[in-house]
């Protein structure tokens, strides 16, 4: 992993979780790592096991200089579109940091509107430790919400599919209908609503 970015204090890494699912908000996290308290094992959250993500989630919060997690709601996703809602969640995460970063490094090829210098880094979650840390916080926090949805919507297996458009999830929508937490502008939810 490229460490040139991680030595400079005041660098915030930013990443999102939940752009693709059919249900629930999109999450974003911002993290400023502490160069004097390195965290071993940081990587793109998608390549880590759930237990590894959970243990790193705790370490990141304990050892970093500042962290923040934000979201954009299903209503905002449907109103703005998923890209703009993701940018909004990222902007909220950065603005919620207790320390204002000197620079922000964002995973991907688009930047939210920010007041400080920023650069987008494609595959940043596997190249920059602060972005890896942000990807882990965003993913774990979103997964926690999905598990909580199980209590509210017991007919749906949110703890398993996490809102993604799996066969199981699509079958549940067909059988039990569209919920208020479903993204109405996403196909196949949109197509199902048009059939009603």
Foldseek 3Di string as FASTA:
>chain_A
DACPVLVDFQEKEKEWPDLAFQFWWIKMKIFGADPVQDDPDQAAQVVDDPVVLVVLLVVRVVGTPWMFMFTFALVCCLVPNSVLRNLVNRQVNQVPIPDNGQEYEYEDQDHRDDPHHYGYDHSVRGHYRNNSNRNSNNVNVLLVVQVVVCVVCVLAPCNPPVRHPDPRRVVSCVVPNDDPRGNCPDPPNVVVVVVD
